[in-house]
Amino acid sequence: MKILAIDIGLKRIGISVSLDGKIATPLKAVIRKNRKQASLEVKNLLSHWEIDILVVGIPMDSSNSEEMKRRFEHFTNLIKFEGNIVFQDESLSSFEAKELMQGNIRAKRDGRIDSLSAKIVLERYLEL
């Protein structure tokens, strides 16, 4: 099973992939200019890696988790992915990613933290 995880943000979409269902590897984040461009880039990644399962990180412990899920479902509908789509709790994954990268990145907004967050989301999914 090939699995791709995304951590959707307003400016960047973190990406992580597992080609064997065991090890998660962060990829270069998608810099989001607009919904159409971002969904096309994610769709191309899904095709390129021949992904079977798309894991979408969503904060399930927040007061607006239903609204977030609705927005993320809309984004995944734009991708038109034929495989399985799974929503995985991503609560505190960005905080964990920042902690892991502390001292390595100084105020860069290049998406490395976003993709590390996607890696954490994917690892949580793989542990199930």
N, C-alpha and C. Protein backbone atom coordinates (compact mmCIF):
# COMPACT_ATOMS: atom_id res chain seq x y z
N MET A 1 0.82 -1.19 0.00
CA MET A 1 0.00 0.00 0.00
C MET A 1 0.86 1.25 0.00
N LYS A 2 0.62 2.13 -0.92
CA LYS A 2 1.31 3.41 -0.97
C LYS A 2 0.35 4.46 -0.40
N ILE A 3 0.87 5.23 0.57
CA ILE A 3 0.03 6.16 1.30
C ILE A 3 0.66 7.56 1.26
N LEU A 4 -0.16 8.56 1.01
CA LEU A 4 0.29 9.95 1.03
C LEU A 4 -0.53 10.68 2.08
N ALA A 5 0.14 11.46 2.93
CA ALA A 5 -0.54 12.26 3.94
C ALA A 5 -0.35 13.73 3.61
N ILE A 6 -1.40 14.52 3.86
CA ILE A 6 -1.31 15.96 3.66
C ILE A 6 -1.75 16.67 4.93
N ASP A 7 -1.07 17.77 5.20
CA ASP A 7 -1.42 18.66 6.30
C ASP A 7 -1.78 19.99 5.63
N ILE A 8 -3.07 20.25 5.51
CA ILE A 8 -3.55 21.40 4.75
C ILE A 8 -3.50 22.66 5.59
N GLY A 9 -2.83 23.67 5.05
CA GLY A 9 -2.79 24.98 5.67
C GLY A 9 -3.21 26.03 4.66
N LEU A 10 -3.35 27.26 5.12
CA LEU A 10 -3.76 28.33 4.22
C LEU A 10 -2.67 28.73 3.24
N LYS A 11 -1.40 28.59 3.64
CA LYS A 11 -0.29 29.01 2.79
C LYS A 11 0.51 27.86 2.21
N ARG A 12 0.54 26.73 2.94
CA ARG A 12 1.32 25.58 2.51
C ARG A 12 0.57 24.30 2.82
N ILE A 13 0.86 23.26 2.05
CA ILE A 13 0.31 21.93 2.31
C ILE A 13 1.50 21.01 2.51
N GLY A 14 1.63 20.52 3.74
CA GLY A 14 2.70 19.58 4.05
C GLY A 14 2.39 18.23 3.42
N ILE A 15 3.43 17.56 2.94
CA ILE A 15 3.28 16.28 2.24
C ILE A 15 4.23 15.25 2.84
N SER A 16 3.71 14.04 3.04
CA SER A 16 4.55 12.93 3.48
C SER A 16 4.06 11.67 2.76
N VAL A 17 4.98 10.75 2.49
CA VAL A 17 4.62 9.54 1.75
C VAL A 17 5.17 8.30 2.44
N SER A 18 4.44 7.21 2.33
CA SER A 18 4.92 5.90 2.77
C SER A 18 4.69 4.95 1.61
N LEU A 19 5.78 4.41 1.09
CA LEU A 19 5.68 3.50 -0.06
C LEU A 19 5.55 2.05 0.36
N ASP A 20 5.81 1.76 1.64
CA ASP A 20 5.76 0.39 2.12
C ASP A 20 4.77 0.18 3.26
N GLY A 21 4.07 1.25 3.66
CA GLY A 21 3.13 1.14 4.75
C GLY A 21 3.78 1.09 6.11
N LYS A 22 5.09 1.38 6.17
CA LYS A 22 5.82 1.31 7.44
C LYS A 22 6.59 2.59 7.75
N ILE A 23 7.27 3.14 6.76
CA ILE A 23 8.13 4.30 6.97
C ILE A 23 7.55 5.52 6.27
N ALA A 24 7.41 6.61 7.03
CA ALA A 24 6.89 7.87 6.49
C ALA A 24 8.05 8.80 6.19
N THR A 25 8.02 9.39 5.00
CA THR A 25 9.08 10.30 4.57
C THR A 25 8.46 11.63 4.15
N PRO A 26 8.90 12.74 4.74
CA PRO A 26 8.36 14.04 4.32
C PRO A 26 8.88 14.41 2.93
N LEU A 27 8.02 15.03 2.15
CA LEU A 27 8.38 15.54 0.83
C LEU A 27 8.31 17.06 0.85
N LYS A 28 8.69 17.66 -0.26
CA LYS A 28 8.61 19.12 -0.37
C LYS A 28 7.15 19.55 -0.31
N ALA A 29 6.88 20.55 0.52
CA ALA A 29 5.52 21.05 0.68
C ALA A 29 5.03 21.76 -0.57
N VAL A 30 3.74 21.79 -0.74
CA VAL A 30 3.10 22.54 -1.82
C VAL A 30 2.86 23.95 -1.29
N ILE A 31 3.43 24.93 -1.97
CA ILE A 31 3.18 26.33 -1.62
C ILE A 31 1.86 26.71 -2.28
N ARG A 32 0.92 27.11 -1.47
CA ARG A 32 -0.45 27.30 -1.92
C ARG A 32 -0.67 28.73 -2.42
N LYS A 33 -0.96 28.85 -3.71
CA LYS A 33 -1.29 30.15 -4.29
C LYS A 33 -2.80 30.32 -4.33
N ASN A 34 -3.48 29.24 -4.71
CA ASN A 34 -4.94 29.20 -4.69
C ASN A 34 -5.37 27.74 -4.62
N ARG A 35 -6.66 27.52 -4.39
CA ARG A 35 -7.17 26.15 -4.22
C ARG A 35 -6.95 25.29 -5.46
N LYS A 36 -7.21 25.87 -6.62
CA LYS A 36 -7.11 25.11 -7.87
C LYS A 36 -5.67 24.64 -8.10
N GLN A 37 -4.72 25.55 -7.96
CA GLN A 37 -3.31 25.21 -8.17
C GLN A 37 -2.84 24.18 -7.15
N ALA A 38 -3.23 24.37 -5.88
CA ALA A 38 -2.79 23.45 -4.83
C ALA A 38 -3.39 22.06 -5.03
N SER A 39 -4.67 21.99 -5.37
CA SER A 39 -5.30 20.67 -5.58
C SER A 39 -4.70 19.96 -6.78
N LEU A 40 -4.34 20.71 -7.82
CA LEU A 40 -3.71 20.10 -9.00
C LEU A 40 -2.33 19.54 -8.64
N GLU A 41 -1.56 20.26 -7.85
CA GLU A 41 -0.23 19.77 -7.45
C GLU A 41 -0.35 18.52 -6.59
N VAL A 42 -1.32 18.49 -5.67
CA VAL A 42 -1.51 17.30 -4.85
C VAL A 42 -1.98 16.14 -5.73
N LYS A 43 -2.89 16.41 -6.65
CA LYS A 43 -3.37 15.37 -7.57
C LYS A 43 -2.21 14.78 -8.38
N ASN A 44 -1.30 15.63 -8.83
CA ASN A 44 -0.14 15.16 -9.59
C ASN A 44 0.77 14.28 -8.74
N LEU A 45 0.93 14.64 -7.46
CA LEU A 45 1.73 13.81 -6.55
C LEU A 45 1.09 12.44 -6.34
N LEU A 46 -0.23 12.43 -6.17
CA LEU A 46 -0.95 11.17 -6.00
C LEU A 46 -0.76 10.26 -7.21
N SER A 47 -0.80 10.84 -8.38
CA SER A 47 -0.61 10.08 -9.61
C SER A 47 0.84 9.63 -9.76
N HIS A 48 1.78 10.53 -9.52
CA HIS A 48 3.21 10.23 -9.67
C HIS A 48 3.63 9.07 -8.77
N TRP A 49 3.19 9.09 -7.53
CA TRP A 49 3.58 8.06 -6.56
C TRP A 49 2.65 6.84 -6.59
N GLU A 50 1.62 6.88 -7.45
CA GLU A 50 0.64 5.79 -7.56
C GLU A 50 0.06 5.43 -6.19
N ILE A 51 -0.50 6.44 -5.54
CA ILE A 51 -0.98 6.34 -4.17
C ILE A 51 -2.32 5.59 -4.09
N ASP A 52 -2.44 4.73 -3.07
CA ASP A 52 -3.66 3.97 -2.81
C ASP A 52 -4.55 4.65 -1.78
N ILE A 53 -3.93 5.27 -0.76
CA ILE A 53 -4.67 5.89 0.34
C ILE A 53 -4.16 7.31 0.56
N LEU A 54 -5.10 8.25 0.66
CA LEU A 54 -4.77 9.63 0.99
C LEU A 54 -5.21 9.88 2.43
N VAL A 55 -4.27 10.24 3.29
CA VAL A 55 -4.56 10.55 4.68
C VAL A 55 -4.55 12.08 4.83
N VAL A 56 -5.66 12.62 5.31
CA VAL A 56 -5.80 14.06 5.47
C VAL A 56 -5.80 14.38 6.96
N GLY A 57 -4.83 15.17 7.38
CA GLY A 57 -4.77 15.59 8.78
C GLY A 57 -5.85 16.60 9.09
N ILE A 58 -6.56 16.39 10.20
CA ILE A 58 -7.62 17.31 10.61
C ILE A 58 -7.60 17.42 12.13
N PRO A 59 -7.70 18.65 12.66
CA PRO A 59 -7.73 18.80 14.12
C PRO A 59 -9.08 18.35 14.68
N MET A 60 -9.08 17.22 15.35
CA MET A 60 -10.35 16.66 15.83
C MET A 60 -10.73 17.11 17.22
N ASP A 61 -9.84 17.83 17.89
CA ASP A 61 -10.17 18.26 19.25
C ASP A 61 -10.54 19.73 19.34
N SER A 62 -10.70 20.38 18.20
CA SER A 62 -11.03 21.81 18.23
C SER A 62 -12.54 22.01 18.15
N SER A 63 -12.97 23.18 18.53
CA SER A 63 -14.40 23.49 18.53
C SER A 63 -14.96 23.60 17.12
N ASN A 64 -14.12 23.85 16.15
CA ASN A 64 -14.61 23.98 14.77
C ASN A 64 -14.15 22.81 13.89
N SER A 65 -14.00 21.63 14.47
CA SER A 65 -13.51 20.48 13.71
C SER A 65 -14.47 20.08 12.59
N GLU A 66 -15.79 20.23 12.80
CA GLU A 66 -16.75 19.89 11.75
C GLU A 66 -16.61 20.84 10.55
N GLU A 67 -16.41 22.13 10.83
CA GLU A 67 -16.20 23.11 9.75
C GLU A 67 -14.91 22.81 9.01
N MET A 68 -13.85 22.48 9.76
CA MET A 68 -12.57 22.14 9.13
C MET A 68 -12.72 20.90 8.25
N LYS A 69 -13.42 19.90 8.74
CA LYS A 69 -13.63 18.68 7.97
C LYS A 69 -14.37 19.00 6.68
N ARG A 70 -15.38 19.86 6.76
CA ARG A 70 -16.13 20.26 5.57
C ARG A 70 -15.21 20.93 4.54
N ARG A 71 -14.35 21.82 5.02
CA ARG A 71 -13.42 22.51 4.11
C ARG A 71 -12.42 21.53 3.50
N PHE A 72 -11.91 20.62 4.31
CA PHE A 72 -10.94 19.65 3.82
C PHE A 72 -11.59 18.67 2.84
N GLU A 73 -12.85 18.31 3.09
CA GLU A 73 -13.57 17.46 2.14
C GLU A 73 -13.74 18.17 0.81
N HIS A 74 -14.03 19.47 0.87
CA HIS A 74 -14.15 20.26 -0.36
C HIS A 74 -12.83 20.23 -1.13
N PHE A 75 -11.72 20.41 -0.40
CA PHE A 75 -10.40 20.39 -1.06
C PHE A 75 -10.13 19.03 -1.68
N THR A 76 -10.43 17.95 -0.94
CA THR A 76 -10.18 16.61 -1.49
C THR A 76 -11.10 16.32 -2.68
N ASN A 77 -12.30 16.91 -2.70
CA ASN A 77 -13.17 16.74 -3.87
C ASN A 77 -12.56 17.39 -5.11
N LEU A 78 -11.83 18.50 -4.92
CA LEU A 78 -11.17 19.16 -6.05
C LEU A 78 -10.08 18.26 -6.64
N ILE A 79 -9.48 17.42 -5.79
CA ILE A 79 -8.41 16.53 -6.25
C ILE A 79 -8.96 15.41 -7.12
N LYS A 80 -10.19 14.98 -6.84
CA LYS A 80 -10.83 13.89 -7.58
C LYS A 80 -10.00 12.60 -7.49
N PHE A 81 -9.62 12.26 -6.25
CA PHE A 81 -8.82 11.06 -5.99
C PHE A 81 -9.71 9.83 -6.01
N GLU A 82 -9.29 8.80 -6.74
CA GLU A 82 -10.08 7.58 -6.90
C GLU A 82 -9.89 6.59 -5.75
N GLY A 83 -8.80 6.73 -4.99
CA GLY A 83 -8.51 5.80 -3.91
C GLY A 83 -9.26 6.15 -2.63
N ASN A 84 -8.85 5.51 -1.55
CA ASN A 84 -9.46 5.76 -0.24
C ASN A 84 -8.93 7.06 0.36
N ILE A 85 -9.84 7.81 0.97
CA ILE A 85 -9.47 9.03 1.70
C ILE A 85 -9.82 8.81 3.16
N VAL A 86 -8.82 9.03 4.03
CA VAL A 86 -8.99 8.82 5.47
C VAL A 86 -8.66 10.12 6.19
N PHE A 87 -9.49 10.50 7.15
CA PHE A 87 -9.20 11.67 7.97
C PHE A 87 -8.55 11.20 9.26
N GLN A 88 -7.40 11.79 9.57
CA GLN A 88 -6.60 11.39 10.73
C GLN A 88 -6.41 12.61 11.63
N ASP A 89 -6.54 12.40 12.93
CA ASP A 89 -6.34 13.48 13.88
C ASP A 89 -4.92 14.04 13.75
N GLU A 90 -4.84 15.34 13.58
CA GLU A 90 -3.53 15.99 13.46
C GLU A 90 -3.27 16.96 14.62
N SER A 91 -4.06 16.82 15.67
CA SER A 91 -3.92 17.72 16.81
C SER A 91 -2.47 17.74 17.31
N LEU A 92 -1.95 18.95 17.45
CA LEU A 92 -0.60 19.21 17.97
C LEU A 92 0.53 18.72 17.07
N SER A 93 0.24 18.24 15.88
CA SER A 93 1.32 17.76 15.00
C SER A 93 2.25 18.90 14.58
N SER A 94 1.70 20.09 14.34
CA SER A 94 2.55 21.23 13.98
C SER A 94 3.44 21.63 15.14
N PHE A 95 2.89 21.58 16.35
CA PHE A 95 3.68 21.88 17.54
C PHE A 95 4.82 20.85 17.69
N GLU A 96 4.50 19.56 17.50
CA GLU A 96 5.53 18.51 17.58
C GLU A 96 6.61 18.73 16.52
N ALA A 97 6.19 19.09 15.32
CA ALA A 97 7.15 19.33 14.23
C ALA A 97 8.08 20.49 14.56
N LYS A 98 7.52 21.56 15.11
CA LYS A 98 8.35 22.71 15.48
C LYS A 98 9.34 22.34 16.57
N GLU A 99 8.88 21.53 17.52
CA GLU A 99 9.77 21.06 18.59
C GLU A 99 10.92 20.23 18.02
N LEU A 100 10.60 19.35 17.07
CA LEU A 100 11.64 18.51 16.46
C LEU A 100 12.65 19.34 15.67
N MET A 101 12.18 20.41 15.07
CA MET A 101 13.05 21.22 14.21
C MET A 101 13.70 22.39 14.95
N GLN A 102 13.43 22.54 16.22
CA GLN A 102 13.95 23.68 16.97
C GLN A 102 15.46 23.77 16.82
N GLY A 103 15.91 24.93 16.42
CA GLY A 103 17.34 25.15 16.22
C GLY A 103 17.81 24.87 14.81
N ASN A 104 17.02 24.13 14.03
CA ASN A 104 17.43 23.78 12.67
C ASN A 104 16.88 24.74 11.62
N ILE A 105 15.76 25.33 11.91
CA ILE A 105 15.14 26.26 10.96
C ILE A 105 14.90 27.57 11.69
N ARG A 106 15.38 28.64 11.10
CA ARG A 106 15.17 29.95 11.71
C ARG A 106 14.21 30.77 10.86
N ALA A 107 12.98 30.78 11.28
CA ALA A 107 11.94 31.62 10.68
C ALA A 107 11.77 31.40 9.19
N LYS A 108 12.15 30.25 8.66
CA LYS A 108 11.91 29.97 7.25
C LYS A 108 10.50 29.45 7.07
N ARG A 109 9.87 29.90 6.04
CA ARG A 109 8.51 29.49 5.73
C ARG A 109 8.51 28.72 4.41
N ASP A 110 9.38 27.72 4.32
CA ASP A 110 9.51 26.97 3.08
C ASP A 110 8.72 25.67 3.07
N GLY A 111 8.04 25.36 4.16
CA GLY A 111 7.19 24.19 4.18
C GLY A 111 7.79 22.96 4.84
N ARG A 112 9.03 23.04 5.29
CA ARG A 112 9.64 21.86 5.92
C ARG A 112 8.89 21.46 7.19
N ILE A 113 8.49 22.43 7.97
CA ILE A 113 7.73 22.11 9.19
C ILE A 113 6.37 21.53 8.82
N ASP A 114 5.75 22.05 7.77
CA ASP A 114 4.44 21.55 7.33
C ASP A 114 4.54 20.08 6.89
N SER A 115 5.60 19.75 6.16
CA SER A 115 5.78 18.37 5.71
C SER A 115 6.18 17.45 6.86
N LEU A 116 6.91 17.97 7.82
CA LEU A 116 7.22 17.18 9.01
C LEU A 116 5.94 16.92 9.81
N SER A 117 5.04 17.89 9.84
CA SER A 117 3.74 17.71 10.47
C SER A 117 2.94 16.63 9.73
N ALA A 118 2.98 16.64 8.41
CA ALA A 118 2.31 15.60 7.62
C ALA A 118 2.92 14.23 7.91
N LYS A 119 4.23 14.19 8.13
CA LYS A 119 4.91 12.93 8.47
C LYS A 119 4.38 12.41 9.81
N ILE A 120 4.20 13.29 10.77
CA ILE A 120 3.68 12.90 12.08
C ILE A 120 2.25 12.36 11.94
N VAL A 121 1.44 13.02 11.12
CA VAL A 121 0.07 12.56 10.87
C VAL A 121 0.10 11.17 10.24
N LEU A 122 0.98 10.97 9.26
CA LEU A 122 1.09 9.68 8.60
C LEU A 122 1.56 8.60 9.56
N GLU A 123 2.51 8.92 10.41
CA GLU A 123 2.99 7.95 11.40
C GLU A 123 1.86 7.55 12.36
N ARG A 124 1.03 8.51 12.74
CA ARG A 124 -0.12 8.20 13.61
C ARG A 124 -1.06 7.23 12.90
N TYR A 125 -1.29 7.48 11.61
CA TYR A 125 -2.16 6.60 10.84
C TYR A 125 -1.56 5.18 10.74
N LEU A 126 -0.27 5.11 10.48
CA LEU A 126 0.40 3.81 10.33
C LEU A 126 0.40 3.01 11.63
N GLU A 127 0.33 3.69 12.76
CA GLU A 127 0.33 3.01 14.06
C GLU A 127 -1.02 2.33 14.35
N LEU A 128 -2.07 2.71 13.64
CA LEU A 128 -3.40 2.13 13.90
C LEU A 128 -3.48 0.68 13.51
